[in-house]
Amino acid sequence: MEFHIFQCKSDPDYFIVTDEAHCEAVLKANKCPTPDDELEKVGVFGEMGKERAAFDEGLAKRSIDSQGFYRFEAGSFDPVAERPISMP
């Protein structure tokens, strides 16, 4: 299976994973947690098995089979904030 991965623009920690057969339907429907959000394509990736760190492929496949997509939240990509002035 090839996974088509999209990222929510206003909630960049949320990703939507689907396959070729469901790609168009996922793009038409809003699958992001924020209303009126848009999806940005990250890429198309083949299966990697247990080496994949971002999401569980087995869970993603079952979710895609049952509802056409798999949504997951990754750890924040925001840069680490500067330490407060009061800290040494």
C-alpha atoms as a PDB file:
ATOM      1  CA  MET A   1       0.000   0.000   0.000  1.00  0.00           C
ATOM      2  CA  GLU A   2       1.088   3.557  -0.648  1.00  0.00           C
ATOM      3  CA  PHE A   3       0.107   6.055   2.018  1.00  0.00           C
ATOM      4  CA  HIS A   4      -0.932   9.551   0.910  1.00  0.00           C
ATOM      5  CA  ILE A   5      -0.136  11.866   3.798  1.00  0.00           C
ATOM      6  CA  PHE A   6      -1.589  15.332   4.344  1.00  0.00           C
ATOM      7  CA  GLN A   7      -1.024  17.902   7.081  1.00  0.00           C
ATOM      8  CA  CYS A   8      -3.650  20.317   8.408  1.00  0.00           C
ATOM      9  CA  LYS A   9      -2.527  23.897   7.704  1.00  0.00           C
ATOM     10  CA  SER A  10      -3.916  25.602  10.817  1.00  0.00           C
ATOM     11  CA  ASP A  11      -3.270  22.590  13.095  1.00  0.00           C
ATOM     12  CA  PRO A  12       0.151  21.409  11.882  1.00  0.00           C
ATOM     13  CA  ASP A  13       0.339  18.642  14.499  1.00  0.00           C
ATOM     14  CA  TYR A  14      -2.572  16.815  12.800  1.00  0.00           C
ATOM     15  CA  PHE A  15      -1.998  14.522   9.849  1.00  0.00           C
ATOM     16  CA  ILE A  16      -4.429  12.650   7.614  1.00  0.00           C
ATOM     17  CA  VAL A  17      -3.309   9.377   6.005  1.00  0.00           C
ATOM     18  CA  THR A  18      -5.237   7.726   3.194  1.00  0.00           C
ATOM     19  CA  ASP A  19      -4.713   5.673   0.053  1.00  0.00           C
ATOM     20  CA  GLU A  20      -5.146   6.420  -3.653  1.00  0.00           C
ATOM     21  CA  ALA A  21      -8.733   5.123  -3.729  1.00  0.00           C
ATOM     22  CA  HIS A  22      -9.901   7.501  -0.973  1.00  0.00           C
ATOM     23  CA  CYS A  23      -7.654  10.478  -1.695  1.00  0.00           C
ATOM     24  CA  GLU A  24     -10.194  12.582  -3.584  1.00  0.00           C
ATOM     25  CA  ALA A  25     -12.964  12.040  -0.997  1.00  0.00           C
ATOM     26  CA  VAL A  26     -10.609  12.978   1.851  1.00  0.00           C
ATOM     27  CA  LEU A  27      -9.603  16.182   0.072  1.00  0.00           C
ATOM     28  CA  LYS A  28     -13.258  17.162  -0.516  1.00  0.00           C
ATOM     29  CA  ALA A  29     -14.314  16.520   3.086  1.00  0.00           C
ATOM     30  CA  ASN A  30     -12.892  18.410   6.039  1.00  0.00           C
ATOM     31  CA  LYS A  31     -11.099  15.776   8.130  1.00  0.00           C
ATOM     32  CA  CYS A  32      -9.091  18.275  10.195  1.00  0.00           C
ATOM     33  CA  PRO A  33     -10.174  19.040  13.771  1.00  0.00           C
ATOM     34  CA  THR A  34     -10.508  22.765  12.992  1.00  0.00           C
ATOM     35  CA  PRO A  35     -13.500  23.779  10.831  1.00  0.00           C
ATOM     36  CA  ASP A  36     -12.637  25.259   7.416  1.00  0.00           C
ATOM     37  CA  ASP A  37      -9.030  24.050   7.661  1.00  0.00           C
ATOM     38  CA  GLU A  38      -7.155  23.028   4.521  1.00  0.00           C
ATOM     39  CA  LEU A  39      -4.946  20.038   3.863  1.00  0.00           C
ATOM     40  CA  GLU A  40      -1.443  20.315   2.490  1.00  0.00           C
ATOM     41  CA  LYS A  41       0.108  17.263   0.830  1.00  0.00           C
ATOM     42  CA  VAL A  42       3.219  15.974   2.576  1.00  0.00           C
ATOM     43  CA  GLY A  43       3.880  13.126   0.164  1.00  0.00           C
ATOM     44  CA  VAL A  44       3.261   9.534  -0.872  1.00  0.00           C
ATOM     45  CA  PHE A  45       5.135   6.837   0.988  1.00  0.00           C
ATOM     46  CA  GLY A  46       5.309   3.069   0.737  1.00  0.00           C
ATOM     47  CA  GLU A  47       5.025   0.717   3.665  1.00  0.00           C
ATOM     48  CA  MET A  48       8.010   0.587   5.997  1.00  0.00           C
ATOM     49  CA  GLY A  49       6.719  -1.841   8.625  1.00  0.00           C
ATOM     50  CA  LYS A  50       7.764  -1.412  12.228  1.00  0.00           C
ATOM     51  CA  GLU A  51      10.523   1.016  11.238  1.00  0.00           C
ATOM     52  CA  ARG A  52       7.949   3.764  10.645  1.00  0.00           C
ATOM     53  CA  ALA A  53       8.037   6.071  13.643  1.00  0.00           C
ATOM     54  CA  ALA A  54       5.268   8.509  12.756  1.00  0.00           C
ATOM     55  CA  PHE A  55       2.219   6.213  12.829  1.00  0.00           C
ATOM     56  CA  ASP A  56       1.143   2.598  13.193  1.00  0.00           C
ATOM     57  CA  GLU A  57       0.686   1.222   9.671  1.00  0.00           C
ATOM     58  CA  GLY A  58      -1.601  -1.624  10.774  1.00  0.00           C
ATOM     59  CA  LEU A  59      -3.928   0.776  12.561  1.00  0.00           C
ATOM     60  CA  ALA A  60      -3.815   3.153   9.590  1.00  0.00           C
ATOM     61  CA  LYS A  61      -4.739   0.364   7.137  1.00  0.00           C
ATOM     62  CA  ARG A  62      -7.694  -0.774   9.250  1.00  0.00           C
ATOM     63  CA  SER A  63      -8.904   2.803   9.628  1.00  0.00           C
ATOM     64  CA  ILE A  64      -8.559   3.484   5.889  1.00  0.00           C
ATOM     65  CA  ASP A  65     -10.467   0.265   5.105  1.00  0.00           C
ATOM     66  CA  SER A  66     -13.315   1.192   7.453  1.00  0.00           C
ATOM     67  CA  GLN A  67     -13.619   4.979   7.020  1.00  0.00           C
ATOM     68  CA  GLY A  68     -11.296   5.997   4.177  1.00  0.00           C
ATOM     69  CA  PHE A  69      -8.687   7.810   6.267  1.00  0.00           C
ATOM     70  CA  TYR A  70      -6.589   7.723   9.414  1.00  0.00           C
ATOM     71  CA  ARG A  71      -6.014  10.901  11.417  1.00  0.00           C
ATOM     72  CA  PHE A  72      -3.261  11.196  13.981  1.00  0.00           C
ATOM     73  CA  GLU A  73      -1.673  13.895  16.078  1.00  0.00           C
ATOM     74  CA  ALA A  74       2.105  14.084  16.131  1.00  0.00           C
ATOM     75  CA  GLY A  75       4.223  15.773  18.757  1.00  0.00           C
ATOM     76  CA  SER A  76       4.414  19.486  18.252  1.00  0.00           C
ATOM     77  CA  PHE A  77       6.758  20.781  15.572  1.00  0.00           C
ATOM     78  CA  ASP A  78       6.814  24.229  17.168  1.00  0.00           C
ATOM     79  CA  PRO A  79      10.305  25.371  18.054  1.00  0.00           C
ATOM     80  CA  VAL A  80      11.277  25.165  21.686  1.00  0.00           C
ATOM     81  CA  ALA A  81      10.377  28.382  23.407  1.00  0.00           C
ATOM     82  CA  GLU A  82      13.109  30.491  24.907  1.00  0.00           C
ATOM     83  CA  ARG A  83      13.539  30.101  28.635  1.00  0.00           C
ATOM     84  CA  PRO A  84      11.852  32.788  30.724  1.00  0.00           C
ATOM     85  CA  ILE A  85      13.959  35.761  31.784  1.00  0.00           C
ATOM     86  CA  SER A  86      13.546  34.815  35.444  1.00  0.00           C
ATOM     87  CA  MET A  87      15.347  31.492  34.972  1.00  0.00           C
ATOM     88  CA  PRO A  88      19.132  31.316  35.368  1.00  0.00           C
END
